Amino acid sequence: MPIQRSLATIPKKIIWLIGGALLLQIGLNFFLPRASAKAQALASPPSLHSLMVSSIGEPIGLAKFLMLNLQAFDNQPGVSLPFRDLDYSRVRDWLTRILQLDPYAQYPLLFASHLYAEVPQPEKQRLMLDFVYQQFLVDPNRRWPWLAHAVIIARHKLNDLPLAAQYAAAIRRYATGTNVPSWAKQMEIFLRADMNETETARVMLGGLIESGQISDANELYFLTQQLRELESKVKIEK
């Protein structure tokens, strides 16, 4: 049978040593700072040449991988990093690289306009909207939806009517494909009316109706009614 020793048989010096070690451990846990995870800053992207070389002939696959990494960057081990704390200049640079690797990708513009541009920080919102605008000009007929959303953010989040009108005008001028819906091309007209540029809006709307581009009877009726309201407003202003 194993020999059992009572507490009374243990030398008091050993008991004091054990007790002191426990107290020291408790004290260290109480006074020393706790280890905490630290968010890593978003690094600048490599050059396009470096990425093309590392893609081994699969730039689209690499673009998707980079997009997933960027998308998940706010969730680091032990840390949840708010989007508003990201360096948006570097976010823009990464999104640019991804589009350079895969010009047909839509996710970079989707995230720029619907996610990163939604943070309540005007400077960062404007940076993302400008990125969407510049990339829209590269391929207007495919990228117009993201600029249309940028119009909404500029109008309702930034309360910047001139900026919203600038983006809407770009859609009207450059997104000329048959896949672009008429409402997207008409955004500028109503923004001009909101800016009290009634005469400009009236001329633009009248020209659109007379051009014969509107084939839907309900849409044509609605726009005709809007034109009459603008004409009445112009008369009052004069």
Protein backbone atom coordinates (compact mmCIF):
# COMPACT_ATOMS: atom_id res chain seq x y z
CA MET A 1 0.00 0.00 0.00
CA PRO A 2 1.28 3.51 -0.77
CA ILE A 3 2.45 5.40 2.23
CA GLN A 4 0.15 8.34 2.98
CA ARG A 5 1.60 11.39 4.75
CA SER A 6 -0.55 13.85 6.68
CA LEU A 7 -0.08 17.60 6.35
CA ALA A 8 1.39 17.64 9.85
CA THR A 9 4.35 15.53 8.72
CA ILE A 10 5.36 18.03 5.95
CA PRO A 11 8.04 20.41 7.15
CA LYS A 12 6.74 23.92 7.79
CA LYS A 13 9.52 25.37 5.61
CA ILE A 14 8.13 23.50 2.58
CA ILE A 15 4.58 24.68 3.34
CA TRP A 16 5.77 28.29 3.58
CA LEU A 17 7.66 27.95 0.29
CA ILE A 18 4.57 26.57 -1.50
CA GLY A 19 2.35 29.27 -0.03
CA GLY A 20 4.79 31.98 -0.98
CA ALA A 21 5.01 30.70 -4.56
CA LEU A 22 1.20 30.74 -4.85
CA LEU A 23 1.00 34.28 -3.52
CA LEU A 24 3.76 35.37 -5.92
CA GLN A 25 1.90 33.81 -8.86
CA ILE A 26 -1.33 35.56 -7.86
CA GLY A 27 0.49 38.86 -7.49
CA LEU A 28 2.16 38.56 -10.89
CA ASN A 29 -1.15 37.80 -12.57
CA PHE A 30 -2.73 40.79 -10.89
CA PHE A 31 -0.06 43.43 -11.48
CA LEU A 32 1.55 42.46 -14.76
CA PRO A 33 -0.18 43.69 -17.96
CA ARG A 34 -2.16 41.05 -19.75
CA ALA A 35 -1.01 39.98 -23.16
CA SER A 36 -3.27 41.38 -25.84
CA ALA A 37 -3.50 40.87 -29.57
CA LYS A 38 -2.39 43.83 -31.64
CA ALA A 39 -3.89 44.66 -35.01
CA GLN A 40 -1.47 44.60 -37.91
CA ALA A 41 -1.45 47.55 -40.28
CA LEU A 42 -2.38 46.94 -43.89
CA ALA A 43 0.82 46.90 -45.92
CA SER A 44 1.24 48.45 -49.35
CA PRO A 45 0.63 46.03 -52.24
CA PRO A 46 3.53 44.70 -54.30
CA SER A 47 4.10 46.08 -57.77
CA LEU A 48 1.95 44.77 -60.59
CA HIS A 49 5.03 43.21 -62.18
CA SER A 50 5.83 41.27 -58.99
CA LEU A 51 2.27 40.03 -58.73
CA MET A 52 2.18 38.95 -62.36
CA VAL A 53 5.38 36.96 -61.88
CA SER A 54 4.12 35.34 -58.68
CA SER A 55 0.79 34.45 -60.29
CA ILE A 56 2.54 31.87 -62.51
CA GLY A 57 0.23 32.60 -65.41
CA GLU A 58 -2.94 32.69 -63.27
CA PRO A 59 -3.55 36.38 -62.55
CA ILE A 60 -7.31 35.91 -62.14
CA GLY A 61 -6.81 33.23 -59.50
CA LEU A 62 -4.33 35.45 -57.68
CA ALA A 63 -6.76 38.38 -57.89
CA LYS A 64 -9.49 36.31 -56.22
CA PHE A 65 -7.07 35.20 -53.51
CA LEU A 66 -5.97 38.78 -52.82
CA MET A 67 -9.57 39.95 -52.70
CA LEU A 68 -10.41 37.30 -50.10
CA ASN A 69 -7.40 38.32 -48.02
CA LEU A 70 -8.33 41.98 -48.16
CA GLN A 71 -11.94 41.17 -47.35
CA ALA A 72 -10.87 39.24 -44.25
CA PHE A 73 -8.16 41.67 -43.13
CA ASP A 74 -10.45 43.28 -40.53
CA ASN A 75 -10.66 39.91 -38.72
CA GLN A 76 -7.17 39.18 -37.41
CA PRO A 77 -6.33 36.57 -34.74
CA GLY A 78 -7.74 37.93 -31.50
CA VAL A 79 -8.61 41.30 -33.04
CA SER A 80 -11.59 42.76 -34.86
CA LEU A 81 -10.41 45.81 -36.76
CA PRO A 82 -13.16 48.30 -37.74
CA PHE A 83 -13.17 49.33 -41.39
CA ARG A 84 -12.90 52.97 -40.33
CA ASP A 85 -9.45 52.22 -38.86
CA LEU A 86 -8.02 50.88 -42.11
CA ASP A 87 -5.58 52.94 -44.16
CA TYR A 88 -7.89 53.72 -47.08
CA SER A 89 -5.07 54.81 -49.36
CA ARG A 90 -3.68 51.30 -49.10
CA VAL A 91 -7.13 49.75 -49.43
CA ARG A 92 -7.53 51.70 -52.68
CA ASP A 93 -4.07 50.54 -53.87
CA TRP A 94 -4.94 46.89 -53.18
CA LEU A 95 -8.26 47.20 -54.99
CA THR A 96 -6.44 48.80 -57.92
CA ARG A 97 -3.93 45.95 -58.08
CA ILE A 98 -6.71 43.38 -57.98
CA LEU A 99 -8.49 45.07 -60.90
CA GLN A 100 -5.22 45.23 -62.81
CA LEU A 101 -4.86 41.48 -62.38
CA ASP A 102 -8.50 40.83 -63.29
CA PRO A 103 -10.10 43.76 -65.19
CA TYR A 104 -13.45 41.94 -65.37
CA ALA A 105 -13.71 41.49 -61.60
CA GLN A 106 -16.68 43.21 -59.97
CA TYR A 107 -15.98 42.49 -56.31
CA PRO A 108 -13.37 45.26 -55.86
CA LEU A 109 -15.89 47.88 -56.99
CA LEU A 110 -18.70 46.23 -55.05
CA PHE A 111 -16.69 46.41 -51.84
CA ALA A 112 -15.47 49.93 -52.56
CA SER A 113 -18.96 51.34 -53.15
CA HIS A 114 -21.12 49.22 -50.82
CA LEU A 115 -18.77 48.48 -47.92
CA TYR A 116 -15.74 50.74 -47.59
CA ALA A 117 -17.64 53.84 -48.75
CA GLU A 118 -20.29 53.33 -46.08
CA VAL A 119 -18.05 54.25 -43.14
CA PRO A 120 -19.18 57.51 -41.50
CA GLN A 121 -15.95 59.34 -42.31
CA PRO A 122 -16.33 61.79 -45.23
CA GLU A 123 -12.66 61.83 -46.24
CA LYS A 124 -12.53 58.07 -46.53
CA GLN A 125 -15.89 57.97 -48.27
CA ARG A 126 -14.70 60.50 -50.84
CA LEU A 127 -11.51 58.53 -51.45
CA MET A 128 -13.51 55.37 -52.17
CA LEU A 129 -16.03 57.21 -54.36
CA ASP A 130 -13.22 58.75 -56.38
CA PHE A 131 -11.68 55.29 -56.81
CA VAL A 132 -15.03 53.98 -58.13
CA TYR A 133 -15.33 56.98 -60.47
CA GLN A 134 -11.82 56.57 -61.90
CA GLN A 135 -12.33 52.84 -62.43
CA PHE A 136 -15.74 53.45 -64.02
CA LEU A 137 -14.07 55.54 -66.71
CA VAL A 138 -11.96 52.52 -67.67
CA ASP A 139 -15.01 50.37 -68.51
CA PRO A 140 -18.24 52.43 -68.23
CA ASN A 141 -20.69 49.92 -69.70
CA ARG A 142 -19.71 47.22 -67.19
CA ARG A 143 -18.94 49.35 -64.14
CA TRP A 144 -21.85 51.80 -64.17
CA PRO A 145 -23.78 50.10 -61.28
CA TRP A 146 -21.04 50.95 -58.81
CA LEU A 147 -20.92 54.59 -59.90
CA ALA A 148 -24.72 54.75 -59.66
CA HIS A 149 -24.40 53.70 -56.03
CA ALA A 150 -21.67 56.31 -55.60
CA VAL A 151 -24.22 58.91 -56.78
CA ILE A 152 -26.55 57.83 -53.97
CA ILE A 153 -23.82 58.02 -51.32
CA ALA A 154 -22.65 61.43 -52.53
CA ARG A 155 -26.23 62.71 -52.51
CA HIS A 156 -27.58 61.24 -49.29
CA LYS A 157 -24.54 60.46 -47.11
CA LEU A 158 -22.19 63.31 -48.02
CA ASN A 159 -24.95 65.76 -48.98
CA ASP A 160 -22.73 66.82 -51.88
CA LEU A 161 -25.07 67.50 -54.79
CA PRO A 162 -22.37 68.77 -57.20
CA LEU A 163 -20.34 65.59 -56.68
CA ALA A 164 -23.41 63.41 -57.16
CA ALA A 165 -24.26 65.34 -60.34
CA GLN A 166 -20.70 64.88 -61.63
CA TYR A 167 -20.95 61.12 -61.24
CA ALA A 168 -24.45 61.02 -62.74
CA ALA A 169 -23.28 63.10 -65.71
CA ALA A 170 -20.45 60.61 -66.30
CA ILE A 171 -22.98 57.75 -66.44
CA ARG A 172 -25.10 59.67 -68.97
CA ARG A 173 -22.12 60.54 -71.17
CA TYR A 174 -20.05 57.36 -71.09
CA ALA A 175 -22.34 54.45 -70.16
CA THR A 176 -23.99 54.25 -73.57
CA GLY A 177 -24.45 50.49 -73.84
CA THR A 178 -27.87 48.93 -74.33
CA ASN A 179 -27.45 47.14 -70.99
CA VAL A 180 -27.47 50.45 -69.10
CA PRO A 181 -31.04 51.17 -67.87
CA SER A 182 -32.66 54.50 -68.58
CA TRP A 183 -33.06 55.35 -64.89
CA ALA A 184 -29.29 55.39 -64.52
CA LYS A 185 -28.96 57.82 -67.42
CA GLN A 186 -31.72 60.02 -65.97
CA MET A 187 -30.17 60.47 -62.53
CA GLU A 188 -28.45 63.69 -63.54
CA ILE A 189 -31.71 65.33 -64.59
CA PHE A 190 -33.30 65.01 -61.17
CA LEU A 191 -30.09 66.00 -59.41
CA ARG A 192 -30.00 69.19 -61.48
CA ALA A 193 -33.56 69.88 -60.38
CA ASP A 194 -32.56 69.32 -56.75
CA MET A 195 -29.73 71.81 -57.27
CA ASN A 196 -32.31 74.39 -58.47
CA GLU A 197 -30.88 74.17 -61.98
CA THR A 198 -34.44 73.90 -63.22
CA GLU A 199 -33.85 75.16 -66.74
CA THR A 200 -30.98 72.75 -67.28
CA ALA A 201 -33.07 69.86 -65.98
CA ARG A 202 -36.01 70.89 -68.22
CA VAL A 203 -33.83 71.03 -71.34
CA MET A 204 -32.20 67.70 -70.58
CA LEU A 205 -35.50 65.97 -69.89
CA GLY A 206 -37.17 67.47 -72.93
CA GLY A 207 -34.29 66.33 -75.12
CA LEU A 208 -34.47 62.84 -73.70
CA ILE A 209 -38.21 62.55 -74.44
CA GLU A 210 -37.83 63.93 -77.95
CA SER A 211 -34.95 61.58 -78.73
CA GLY A 212 -37.30 58.59 -78.81
CA GLN A 213 -35.06 56.59 -76.47
CA ILE A 214 -37.92 55.96 -74.04
CA SER A 215 -40.05 53.10 -75.35
CA ASP A 216 -41.92 52.11 -72.18
CA ALA A 217 -45.32 53.85 -72.10
CA ASN A 218 -45.47 54.13 -68.30
CA GLU A 219 -41.97 55.56 -68.10
CA LEU A 220 -42.72 57.99 -70.91
CA TYR A 221 -45.87 59.17 -69.12
CA PHE A 222 -43.98 59.67 -65.86
CA LEU A 223 -41.21 61.65 -67.54
CA THR A 224 -43.72 63.76 -69.44
CA GLN A 225 -45.41 64.66 -66.15
CA GLN A 226 -42.05 65.54 -64.67
CA LEU A 227 -41.29 67.73 -67.67
CA ARG A 228 -44.56 69.63 -67.19
CA GLU A 229 -43.71 70.23 -63.54
CA LEU A 230 -40.29 71.55 -64.49
CA GLU A 231 -41.79 73.81 -67.15
CA SER A 232 -44.23 75.22 -64.59
CA LYS A 233 -41.41 75.81 -62.16
CA VAL A 234 -39.33 77.58 -64.81
CA LYS A 235 -42.24 79.96 -65.52
CA ILE A 236 -42.59 80.74 -61.82
CA GLU A 237 -38.86 81.41 -61.48
CA LYS A 238 -38.96 83.78 -64.43
